[in-house]
Amino acid sequence: MQWSQLKGRKVVSTSTADRVGKVDGFLLDPQTRSVVGLHLKKTESGSVVAWNDLAAVGSDAVTVADASVVVEPDEAQSALGGKRGAVLKKLVLDDAGRALGKVTDVDLDPETGAVRELVLDGATVPGERLLGVGSYAVVVRAD
């Protein structure tokens, strides 16, 4: 599943069938090479839901057990969010210093949140090559 397909989906509580938010961003942990949380907008409280708290990522909505899993980001989640943690539109450099392109999308495993591929303008980079994300660039292991 590509990030562009997930962004904007409603997040629905399975216990109340109410909408608890809308997917607006993601928290990518470069060490585990996976999305560890979703940033939500249009919530009543909190702005983050941990990937482990998702019941399912479906073709039409993301489900959670209830609204209580939507919380304010903790210190670790805050460090992964914002401009520094963002990967979309960032330059991708390999560890040999070569520019590979800019990230246009991210292909995710909808069950685990693992990054399958970074989609660049004109190429893809397997997720297992991801080394780090910084304010300037995303760094991947060279081929």
Foldseek 3Di string as FASTA:
>chain_A
DKPVQQFQAFEAAPQPRDTAFGFHAFQADLVQQFTQWTATPPHPAAGIAGLVQWPFRDNRHTYGNDNVRRHHDDPVSVVCDDLFNDQAQAWEAEPVGDTDAGFHIFDADRNTRHTQWGDGDVDIDGSVQFDDTGNHHTYGHDD
